[in-house]
PDB file of N, CA and C in Angstrom:
ATOM      1  N   MET A   1      36.299 149.665  22.729  1.00  0.00           N
ATOM      2  CA  MET A   1      34.901 149.849  23.060  1.00  0.00           C
ATOM      3  C   MET A   1      34.678 151.249  23.613  1.00  0.00           C
ATOM      4  N   ALA A   2      33.597 151.802  23.209  1.00  0.00           N
ATOM      5  CA  ALA A   2      33.250 153.127  23.692  1.00  0.00           C
ATOM      6  C   ALA A   2      32.629 153.023  25.077  1.00  0.00           C
ATOM      7  N   GLU A   3      33.033 153.940  25.925  1.00  0.00           N
ATOM      8  CA  GLU A   3      32.467 153.928  27.273  1.00  0.00           C
ATOM      9  C   GLU A   3      31.149 154.679  27.266  1.00  0.00           C
ATOM     10  N   LYS A   4      30.198 154.181  28.007  1.00  0.00           N
ATOM     11  CA  LYS A   4      28.914 154.866  28.142  1.00  0.00           C
ATOM     12  C   LYS A   4      28.986 155.771  29.363  1.00  0.00           C
ATOM     13  N   GLN A   5      28.499 156.983  29.180  1.00  0.00           N
ATOM     14  CA  GLN A   5      28.499 157.912  30.302  1.00  0.00           C
ATOM     15  C   GLN A   5      27.185 157.772  31.054  1.00  0.00           C
ATOM     16  N   ARG A   6      27.301 157.659  32.349  1.00  0.00           N
ATOM     17  CA  ARG A   6      26.100 157.592  33.173  1.00  0.00           C
ATOM     18  C   ARG A   6      25.891 158.944  33.823  1.00  0.00           C
ATOM     19  N   THR A   7      24.651 159.380  33.808  1.00  0.00           N
ATOM     20  CA  THR A   7      24.339 160.620  34.504  1.00  0.00           C
ATOM     21  C   THR A   7      23.766 160.251  35.857  1.00  0.00           C
ATOM     22  N   GLU A   8      24.401 160.755  36.876  1.00  0.00           N
ATOM     23  CA  GLU A   8      23.939 160.486  38.227  1.00  0.00           C
ATOM     24  C   GLU A   8      23.384 161.770  38.804  1.00  0.00           C
ATOM     25  N   PRO A   9      22.425 161.636  39.728  1.00  0.00           N
ATOM     26  CA  PRO A   9      21.869 162.846  40.337  1.00  0.00           C
ATOM     27  C   PRO A   9      22.964 163.639  41.046  1.00  0.00           C
ATOM     28  N   SER A  10      22.902 164.927  40.892  1.00  0.00           N
ATOM     29  CA  SER A  10      23.906 165.811  41.467  1.00  0.00           C
ATOM     30  C   SER A  10      23.421 166.350  42.806  1.00  0.00           C
ATOM     31  N   ASP A  11      24.357 166.644  43.684  1.00  0.00           N
ATOM     32  CA  ASP A  11      24.022 167.237  44.973  1.00  0.00           C
ATOM     33  C   ASP A  11      24.034 168.755  44.898  1.00  0.00           C
ATOM     34  N   LYS A  12      24.271 169.300  43.732  1.00  0.00           N
ATOM     35  CA  LYS A  12      24.347 170.748  43.580  1.00  0.00           C
ATOM     36  C   LYS A  12      22.950 171.366  43.632  1.00  0.00           C
ATOM     37  N   GLN A  13      22.885 172.578  44.143  1.00  0.00           N
ATOM     38  CA  GLN A  13      21.637 173.323  44.242  1.00  0.00           C
ATOM     39  C   GLN A  13      21.370 174.055  42.937  1.00  0.00           C
ATOM     40  N   PRO A  14      20.087 174.386  42.658  1.00  0.00           N
ATOM     41  CA  PRO A  14      19.805 175.169  41.451  1.00  0.00           C
ATOM     42  C   PRO A  14      20.557 176.488  41.492  1.00  0.00           C
ATOM     43  N   GLY A  15      21.118 176.872  40.391  1.00  0.00           N
ATOM     44  CA  GLY A  15      21.851 178.122  40.290  1.00  0.00           C
ATOM     45  C   GLY A  15      23.347 177.966  40.493  1.00  0.00           C
ATOM     46  N   GLU A  16      23.794 176.823  41.033  1.00  0.00           N
ATOM     47  CA  GLU A  16      25.224 176.600  41.206  1.00  0.00           C
ATOM     48  C   GLU A  16      25.849 176.230  39.869  1.00  0.00           C
ATOM     49  N   LEU A  17      27.116 176.519  39.734  1.00  0.00           N
ATOM     50  CA  LEU A  17      27.823 176.196  38.500  1.00  0.00           C
ATOM     51  C   LEU A  17      28.151 174.709  38.449  1.00  0.00           C
ATOM     52  N   THR A  18      27.978 174.144  37.293  1.00  0.00           N
ATOM     53  CA  THR A  18      28.414 172.770  37.061  1.00  0.00           C
ATOM     54  C   THR A  18      29.669 172.838  36.216  1.00  0.00           C
ATOM     55  N   ASP A  19      30.146 171.698  35.785  1.00  0.00           N
ATOM     56  CA  ASP A  19      31.354 171.681  34.968  1.00  0.00           C
ATOM     57  C   ASP A  19      31.140 172.341  33.610  1.00  0.00           C
ATOM     58  N   SER A  20      29.917 172.267  33.079  1.00  0.00           N
ATOM     59  CA  SER A  20      29.695 172.776  31.731  1.00  0.00           C
ATOM     60  C   SER A  20      28.986 174.127  31.706  1.00  0.00           C
ATOM     61  N   ALA A  21      27.895 174.262  32.414  1.00  0.00           N
ATOM     62  CA  ALA A  21      27.120 175.499  32.348  1.00  0.00           C
ATOM     63  C   ALA A  21      26.321 175.661  33.633  1.00  0.00           C
ATOM     64  N   PRO A  22      25.907 176.889  33.949  1.00  0.00           N
ATOM     65  CA  PRO A  22      25.105 177.085  35.156  1.00  0.00           C
ATOM     66  C   PRO A  22      23.724 176.451  34.996  1.00  0.00           C
ATOM     67  N   VAL A  23      23.200 175.963  36.086  1.00  0.00           N
ATOM     68  CA  VAL A  23      21.858 175.389  36.092  1.00  0.00           C
ATOM     69  C   VAL A  23      20.909 176.476  36.554  1.00  0.00           C
ATOM     70  N   LEU A  24      19.921 176.773  35.746  1.00  0.00           N
ATOM     71  CA  LEU A  24      18.960 177.808  36.095  1.00  0.00           C
ATOM     72  C   LEU A  24      17.922 177.259  37.058  1.00  0.00           C
ATOM     73  N   PRO A  25      17.407 178.103  37.951  1.00  0.00           N
ATOM     74  CA  PRO A  25      16.336 177.642  38.826  1.00  0.00           C
ATOM     75  C   PRO A  25      15.078 177.350  38.017  1.00  0.00           C
ATOM     76  N   ARG A  26      14.166 176.606  38.616  1.00  0.00           N
ATOM     77  CA  ARG A  26      12.952 176.220  37.897  1.00  0.00           C
ATOM     78  C   ARG A  26      12.098 177.421  37.511  1.00  0.00           C
ATOM     79  N   THR A  27      12.032 178.419  38.366  1.00  0.00           N
ATOM     80  CA  THR A  27      11.248 179.610  38.041  1.00  0.00           C
ATOM     81  C   THR A  27      12.166 180.817  38.038  1.00  0.00           C
ATOM     82  N   TYR A  28      11.892 181.722  37.161  1.00  0.00           N
ATOM     83  CA  TYR A  28      12.692 182.935  37.089  1.00  0.00           C
ATOM     84  C   TYR A  28      12.343 183.906  38.204  1.00  0.00           C
ATOM     85  N   GLY A  29      11.170 183.738  38.830  1.00  0.00           N
ATOM     86  CA  GLY A  29      10.757 184.636  39.897  1.00  0.00           C
ATOM     87  C   GLY A  29      11.733 184.647  41.056  1.00  0.00           C
ATOM     88  N   THR A  30      12.327 183.506  41.362  1.00  0.00           N
ATOM     89  CA  THR A  30      13.285 183.467  42.459  1.00  0.00           C
ATOM     90  C   THR A  30      14.587 184.144  42.076  1.00  0.00           C
ATOM     91  N   LEU A  31      14.881 184.192  40.809  1.00  0.00           N
ATOM     92  CA  LEU A  31      16.126 184.783  40.337  1.00  0.00           C
ATOM     93  C   LEU A  31      15.981 186.285  40.088  1.00  0.00           C
ATOM     94  N   LEU A  32      14.929 186.664  39.400  1.00  0.00           N
ATOM     95  CA  LEU A  32      14.750 188.057  38.999  1.00  0.00           C
ATOM     96  C   LEU A  32      13.730 188.809  39.834  1.00  0.00           C
ATOM     97  N   GLY A  33      13.035 188.145  40.718  1.00  0.00           N
ATOM     98  CA  GLY A  33      11.980 188.772  41.494  1.00  0.00           C
ATOM     99  C   GLY A  33      10.652 188.601  40.793  1.00  0.00           C
ATOM    100  N   PRO A  34       9.573 188.914  41.473  1.00  0.00           N
ATOM    101  CA  PRO A  34       8.257 188.730  40.867  1.00  0.00           C
ATOM    102  C   PRO A  34       8.069 189.676  39.691  1.00  0.00           C
ATOM    103  N   SER A  35       7.374 189.210  38.684  1.00  0.00           N
ATOM    104  CA  SER A  35       7.132 190.057  37.515  1.00  0.00           C
ATOM    105  C   SER A  35       5.829 190.816  37.728  1.00  0.00           C
ATOM    106  N   THR A  36       5.952 192.114  37.882  1.00  0.00           N
ATOM    107  CA  THR A  36       4.783 192.956  38.052  1.00  0.00           C
ATOM    108  C   THR A  36       4.723 193.920  36.887  1.00  0.00           C
ATOM    109  N   ALA A  37       3.548 194.090  36.367  1.00  0.00           N
ATOM    110  CA  ALA A  37       3.358 195.001  35.245  1.00  0.00           C
ATOM    111  C   ALA A  37       3.481 196.438  35.741  1.00  0.00           C
ATOM    112  N   PRO A  38       3.988 197.330  34.919  1.00  0.00           N
ATOM    113  CA  PRO A  38       4.067 198.730  35.336  1.00  0.00           C
ATOM    114  C   PRO A  38       2.675 199.304  35.530  1.00  0.00           C
ATOM    115  N   LYS A  39       2.570 200.233  36.439  1.00  0.00           N
ATOM    116  CA  LYS A  39       1.286 200.858  36.734  1.00  0.00           C
ATOM    117  C   LYS A  39       0.852 201.690  35.536  1.00  0.00           C
ATOM    118  N   MET A  40      -0.414 201.574  35.160  1.00  0.00           N
ATOM    119  CA  MET A  40      -0.935 202.292  33.995  1.00  0.00           C
ATOM    120  C   MET A  40      -1.982 203.337  34.379  1.00  0.00           C
ATOM    121  N   GLU A  41      -2.573 203.229  35.578  1.00  0.00           N
ATOM    122  CA  GLU A  41      -3.671 204.108  35.962  1.00  0.00           C
ATOM    123  C   GLU A  41      -3.635 204.313  37.478  1.00  0.00           C
ATOM    124  N   TRP A  42      -4.087 205.477  37.930  1.00  0.00           N
ATOM    125  CA  TRP A  42      -4.088 205.828  39.346  1.00  0.00           C
ATOM    126  C   TRP A  42      -5.480 206.307  39.765  1.00  0.00           C
ATOM    127  N   PRO A  43      -6.453 205.411  39.950  1.00  0.00           N
ATOM    128  CA  PRO A  43      -7.809 205.836  40.313  1.00  0.00           C
ATOM    129  C   PRO A  43      -7.892 206.458  41.704  1.00  0.00           C
ATOM    130  N   GLN A  44      -6.957 206.148  42.593  1.00  0.00           N
ATOM    131  CA  GLN A  44      -6.994 206.678  43.952  1.00  0.00           C
ATOM    132  C   GLN A  44      -6.663 208.165  44.014  1.00  0.00           C
ATOM    133  N   LEU A  45      -6.249 208.765  42.900  1.00  0.00           N
ATOM    134  CA  LEU A  45      -5.852 210.177  42.895  1.00  0.00           C
ATOM    135  C   LEU A  45      -6.997 211.124  42.554  1.00  0.00           C
ATOM    136  N   VAL A  46      -8.159 210.588  42.217  1.00  0.00           N
ATOM    137  CA  VAL A  46      -9.312 211.441  41.895  1.00  0.00           C
ATOM    138  C   VAL A  46      -9.682 212.239  43.140  1.00  0.00           C
ATOM    139  N   GLY A  47      -9.843 213.562  42.972  1.00  0.00           N
ATOM    140  CA  GLY A  47     -10.204 214.437  44.076  1.00  0.00           C
ATOM    141  C   GLY A  47      -9.021 215.133  44.724  1.00  0.00           C
ATOM    142  N   LEU A  48      -7.803 214.750  44.369  1.00  0.00           N
ATOM    143  CA  LEU A  48      -6.615 215.400  44.929  1.00  0.00           C
ATOM    144  C   LEU A  48      -6.239 216.627  44.105  1.00  0.00           C
ATOM    145  N   THR A  49      -5.372 217.459  44.661  1.00  0.00           N
ATOM    146  CA  THR A  49      -4.851 218.592  43.903  1.00  0.00           C
ATOM    147  C   THR A  49      -3.839 218.063  42.889  1.00  0.00           C
ATOM    148  N   PRO A  50      -3.568 218.816  41.825  1.00  0.00           N
ATOM    149  CA  PRO A  50      -2.599 218.353  40.830  1.00  0.00           C
ATOM    150  C   PRO A  50      -1.194 218.153  41.419  1.00  0.00           C
ATOM    151  N   GLU A  51      -0.813 218.960  42.384  1.00  0.00           N
ATOM    152  CA  GLU A  51       0.508 218.820  43.000  1.00  0.00           C
ATOM    153  C   GLU A  51       0.625 217.499  43.759  1.00  0.00           C
ATOM    154  N   GLU A  52      -0.422 217.154  44.533  1.00  0.00           N
ATOM    155  CA  GLU A  52      -0.410 215.887  45.273  1.00  0.00           C
ATOM    156  C   GLU A  52      -0.401 214.700  44.315  1.00  0.00           C
ATOM    157  N   ALA A  53      -1.239 214.784  43.279  1.00  0.00           N
ATOM    158  CA  ALA A  53      -1.325 213.694  42.303  1.00  0.00           C
ATOM    159  C   ALA A  53       0.010 213.521  41.580  1.00  0.00           C
ATOM    160  N   GLU A  54       0.640 214.616  41.193  1.00  0.00           N
ATOM    161  CA  GLU A  54       1.928 214.525  40.493  1.00  0.00           C
ATOM    162  C   GLU A  54       2.986 213.882  41.380  1.00  0.00           C
ATOM    163  N   ARG A  55       3.021 214.256  42.656  1.00  0.00           N
ATOM    164  CA  ARG A  55       4.004 213.684  43.572  1.00  0.00           C
ATOM    165  C   ARG A  55       3.825 212.168  43.698  1.00  0.00           C
ATOM    166  N   LYS A  56       2.581 211.705  43.802  1.00  0.00           N
ATOM    167  CA  LYS A  56       2.329 210.266  43.947  1.00  0.00           C
ATOM    168  C   LYS A  56       2.640 209.507  42.658  1.00  0.00           C
ATOM    169  N   ILE A  57       2.349 210.101  41.511  1.00  0.00           N
ATOM    170  CA  ILE A  57       2.669 209.449  40.235  1.00  0.00           C
ATOM    171  C   ILE A  57       4.182 209.360  40.064  1.00  0.00           C
ATOM    172  N   LYS A  58       4.894 210.418  40.418  1.00  0.00           N
ATOM    173  CA  LYS A  58       6.359 210.436  40.287  1.00  0.00           C
ATOM    174  C   LYS A  58       7.017 209.412  41.217  1.00  0.00           C
ATOM    175  N   GLU A  59       6.364 209.055  42.331  1.00  0.00           N
ATOM    176  CA  GLU A  59       6.891 208.001  43.199  1.00  0.00           C
ATOM    177  C   GLU A  59       6.883 206.662  42.469  1.00  0.00           C
ATOM    178  N   ASP A  60       5.827 206.417  41.679  1.00  0.00           N
ATOM    179  CA  ASP A  60       5.711 205.163  40.934  1.00  0.00           C
ATOM    180  C   ASP A  60       6.524 205.181  39.645  1.00  0.00           C
ATOM    181  N   MET A  61       6.514 206.313  38.947  1.00  0.00           N
ATOM    182  CA  MET A  61       7.193 206.432  37.651  1.00  0.00           C
ATOM    183  C   MET A  61       7.938 207.764  37.597  1.00  0.00           C
ATOM    184  N   PRO A  62       9.172 207.804  38.084  1.00  0.00           N
ATOM    185  CA  PRO A  62       9.901 209.073  38.173  1.00  0.00           C
ATOM    186  C   PRO A  62      10.171 209.768  36.845  1.00  0.00           C
ATOM    187  N   ARG A  63      10.251 209.025  35.744  1.00  0.00           N
ATOM    188  CA  ARG A  63      10.619 209.640  34.457  1.00  0.00           C
ATOM    189  C   ARG A  63       9.425 210.091  33.631  1.00  0.00           C
ATOM    190  N   VAL A  64       8.222 209.890  34.108  1.00  0.00           N
ATOM    191  CA  VAL A  64       7.044 210.221  33.324  1.00  0.00           C
ATOM    192  C   VAL A  64       6.837 211.741  33.294  1.00  0.00           C
ATOM    193  N   GLN A  65       6.294 212.227  32.183  1.00  0.00           N
ATOM    194  CA  GLN A  65       5.983 213.650  32.035  1.00  0.00           C
ATOM    195  C   GLN A  65       4.524 213.857  32.433  1.00  0.00           C
ATOM    196  N   ILE A  66       4.263 214.819  33.304  1.00  0.00           N
ATOM    197  CA  ILE A  66       2.908 215.109  33.773  1.00  0.00           C
ATOM    198  C   ILE A  66       2.385 216.327  33.029  1.00  0.00           C
ATOM    199  N   GLN A  67       1.177 216.210  32.469  1.00  0.00           N
ATOM    200  CA  GLN A  67       0.509 217.348  31.836  1.00  0.00           C
ATOM    201  C   GLN A  67      -0.787 217.618  32.585  1.00  0.00           C
ATOM    202  N   VAL A  68      -0.954 218.848  33.025  1.00  0.00           N
ATOM    203  CA  VAL A  68      -2.173 219.250  33.719  1.00  0.00           C
ATOM    204  C   VAL A  68      -3.112 219.865  32.696  1.00  0.00           C
ATOM    205  N   VAL A  69      -4.325 219.311  32.607  1.00  0.00           N
ATOM    206  CA  VAL A  69      -5.315 219.771  31.631  1.00  0.00           C
ATOM    207  C   VAL A  69      -6.464 220.412  32.402  1.00  0.00           C
ATOM    208  N   GLN A  70      -6.640 221.710  32.192  1.00  0.00           N
ATOM    209  CA  GLN A  70      -7.722 222.435  32.859  1.00  0.00           C
ATOM    210  C   GLN A  70      -9.077 221.991  32.310  1.00  0.00           C
ATOM    211  N   ALA A  71     -10.133 222.307  33.039  1.00  0.00           N
ATOM    212  CA  ALA A  71     -11.486 221.947  32.611  1.00  0.00           C
ATOM    213  C   ALA A  71     -11.800 222.588  31.262  1.00  0.00           C
ATOM    214  N   ASN A  72     -12.492 221.859  30.403  1.00  0.00           N
ATOM    215  CA  ASN A  72     -12.944 222.314  29.083  1.00  0.00           C
ATOM    216  C   ASN A  72     -11.801 222.675  28.132  1.00  0.00           C
ATOM    217  N   CYS A  73     -10.663 222.035  28.255  1.00  0.00           N
ATOM    218  CA  CYS A  73      -9.547 222.263  27.333  1.00  0.00           C
ATOM    219  C   CYS A  73      -9.407 221.082  26.384  1.00  0.00           C
ATOM    220  N   PHE A  74      -8.879 221.355  25.208  1.00  0.00           N
ATOM    221  CA  PHE A  74      -8.659 220.323  24.198  1.00  0.00           C
ATOM    222  C   PHE A  74      -7.253 219.747  24.342  1.00  0.00           C
ATOM    223  N   VAL A  75      -7.123 218.466  23.987  1.00  0.00           N
ATOM    224  CA  VAL A  75      -5.813 217.807  23.961  1.00  0.00           C
ATOM    225  C   VAL A  75      -5.712 216.991  22.685  1.00  0.00           C
ATOM    226  N   THR A  76      -4.492 216.669  22.292  1.00  0.00           N
ATOM    227  CA  THR A  76      -4.302 215.806  21.125  1.00  0.00           C
ATOM    228  C   THR A  76      -4.651 214.372  21.508  1.00  0.00           C
ATOM    229  N   MET A  77      -4.957 213.553  20.515  1.00  0.00           N
ATOM    230  CA  MET A  77      -5.364 212.173  20.771  1.00  0.00           C
ATOM    231  C   MET A  77      -4.213 211.184  20.600  1.00  0.00           C
ATOM    232  N   ASP A  78      -2.983 211.665  20.447  1.00  0.00           N
ATOM    233  CA  ASP A  78      -1.851 210.748  20.302  1.00  0.00           C
ATOM    234  C   ASP A  78      -1.567 210.040  21.627  1.00  0.00           C
ATOM    235  N   PHE A  79      -0.988 208.848  21.534  1.00  0.00           N
ATOM    236  CA  PHE A  79      -0.658 208.058  22.719  1.00  0.00           C
ATOM    237  C   PHE A  79       0.834 208.162  22.964  1.00  0.00           C
ATOM    238  N   ASN A  80       1.211 208.488  24.198  1.00  0.00           N
ATOM    239  CA  ASN A  80       2.616 208.650  24.567  1.00  0.00           C
ATOM    240  C   ASN A  80       2.873 207.852  25.847  1.00  0.00           C
ATOM    241  N   HIS A  81       3.740 206.842  25.775  1.00  0.00           N
ATOM    242  CA  HIS A  81       4.028 205.987  26.929  1.00  0.00           C
ATOM    243  C   HIS A  81       4.707 206.740  28.067  1.00  0.00           C
ATOM    244  N   GLY A  82       5.265 207.890  27.789  1.00  0.00           N
ATOM    245  CA  GLY A  82       5.980 208.649  28.804  1.00  0.00           C
ATOM    246  C   GLY A  82       5.195 209.821  29.350  1.00  0.00           C
ATOM    247  N   ARG A  83       3.871 209.803  29.189  1.00  0.00           N
ATOM    248  CA  ARG A  83       3.057 210.948  29.600  1.00  0.00           C
ATOM    249  C   ARG A  83       1.863 210.488  30.439  1.00  0.00           C
ATOM    250  N   VAL A  84       1.538 211.300  31.445  1.00  0.00           N
ATOM    251  CA  VAL A  84       0.311 211.126  32.221  1.00  0.00           C
ATOM    252  C   VAL A  84      -0.378 212.478  32.253  1.00  0.00           C
ATOM    253  N   ARG A  85      -1.639 212.492  31.885  1.00  0.00           N
ATOM    254  CA  ARG A  85      -2.414 213.737  31.923  1.00  0.00           C
ATOM    255  C   ARG A  85      -3.309 213.757  33.154  1.00  0.00           C
ATOM    256  N   LEU A  86      -3.324 214.913  33.818  1.00  0.00           N
ATOM    257  CA  LEU A  86      -4.203 215.129  34.958  1.00  0.00           C
ATOM    258  C   LEU A  86      -5.333 216.036  34.503  1.00  0.00           C
ATOM    259  N   TYR A  87      -6.532 215.478  34.368  1.00  0.00           N
ATOM    260  CA  TYR A  87      -7.697 216.259  33.957  1.00  0.00           C
ATOM    261  C   TYR A  87      -8.342 216.847  35.206  1.00  0.00           C
ATOM    262  N   LEU A  88      -8.464 218.183  35.226  1.00  0.00           N
ATOM    263  CA  LEU A  88      -8.989 218.869  36.397  1.00  0.00           C
ATOM    264  C   LEU A  88     -10.437 219.280  36.196  1.00  0.00           C
ATOM    265  N   ASP A  89     -11.188 219.317  37.296  1.00  0.00           N
ATOM    266  CA  ASP A  89     -12.555 219.836  37.261  1.00  0.00           C
ATOM    267  C   ASP A  89     -12.494 221.354  37.476  1.00  0.00           C
ATOM    268  N   PRO A  90     -13.625 222.065  37.396  1.00  0.00           N
ATOM    269  CA  PRO A  90     -13.589 223.530  37.559  1.00  0.00           C
ATOM    270  C   PRO A  90     -13.032 223.999  38.907  1.00  0.00           C
ATOM    271  N   SER A  91     -13.091 223.148  39.938  1.00  0.00           N
ATOM    272  CA  SER A  91     -12.559 223.544  41.247  1.00  0.00           C
ATOM    273  C   SER A  91     -11.048 223.306  41.365  1.00  0.00           C
ATOM    274  N   GLY A  92     -10.431 222.713  40.331  1.00  0.00           N
ATOM    275  CA  GLY A  92      -8.988 222.514  40.329  1.00  0.00           C
ATOM    276  C   GLY A  92      -8.530 221.185  40.904  1.00  0.00           C
ATOM    277  N   LYS A  93      -9.446 220.245  41.116  1.00  0.00           N
ATOM    278  CA  LYS A  93      -9.100 218.906  41.620  1.00  0.00           C
ATOM    279  C   LYS A  93      -9.070 217.917  40.455  1.00  0.00           C
ATOM    280  N   VAL A  94      -8.364 216.801  40.635  1.00  0.00           N
ATOM    281  CA  VAL A  94      -8.290 215.768  39.596  1.00  0.00           C
ATOM    282  C   VAL A  94      -9.687 215.180  39.408  1.00  0.00           C
ATOM    283  N   GLU A  95     -10.172 215.231  38.157  1.00  0.00           N
ATOM    284  CA  GLU A  95     -11.550 214.854  37.851  1.00  0.00           C
ATOM    285  C   GLU A  95     -11.710 213.382  37.489  1.00  0.00           C
ATOM    286  N   ARG A  96     -10.748 212.823  36.754  1.00  0.00           N
ATOM    287  CA  ARG A  96     -10.814 211.412  36.348  1.00  0.00           C
ATOM    288  C   ARG A  96      -9.481 210.736  36.607  1.00  0.00           C
ATOM    289  N   PRO A  97      -9.485 209.404  36.669  1.00  0.00           N
ATOM    290  CA  PRO A  97      -8.241 208.699  36.998  1.00  0.00           C
ATOM    291  C   PRO A  97      -7.122 208.996  35.998  1.00  0.00           C
ATOM    292  N   PRO A  98      -5.982 209.482  36.474  1.00  0.00           N
ATOM    293  CA  PRO A  98      -4.841 209.693  35.581  1.00  0.00           C
ATOM    294  C   PRO A  98      -4.361 208.361  35.025  1.00  0.00           C
ATOM    295  N   ARG A  99      -3.943 208.376  33.760  1.00  0.00           N
ATOM    296  CA  ARG A  99      -3.440 207.150  33.131  1.00  0.00           C
ATOM    297  C   ARG A  99      -2.338 207.472  32.146  1.00  0.00           C
ATOM    298  N   ILE A 100      -1.544 206.440  31.842  1.00  0.00           N
ATOM    299  CA  ILE A 100      -0.469 206.573  30.860  1.00  0.00           C
ATOM    300  C   ILE A 100      -1.084 206.847  29.495  1.00  0.00           C
ATOM    301  N   GLY A 101      -0.482 207.732  28.748  1.00  0.00           N
ATOM    302  CA  GLY A 101      -0.944 207.970  27.392  1.00  0.00           C
ATOM    303  C   GLY A 101      -0.927 209.411  27.071  1.00  0.00           C
TER     304      GLY A 101
END
């Protein structure tokens, strides 16, 4: 006769190893941390100098390339995930919210 296997509740905590495979916790947030989307725009930088704005953007995204665009200058319309453009007004301050692209 074949024996039937009974599954009994285990006293092991989530994430502990069992005989066959690790048991994952119910949510991945406890394991990997909260999922936050990367920052795409910095509206709080409007009115700052380009140097101040670049420093604050680099704190959030150290590998991003910063391009400073003077007033009344043309730029290409291509989208680049590794670029942030700082559009300046005639007085040399950031005119609009910097964003990825």
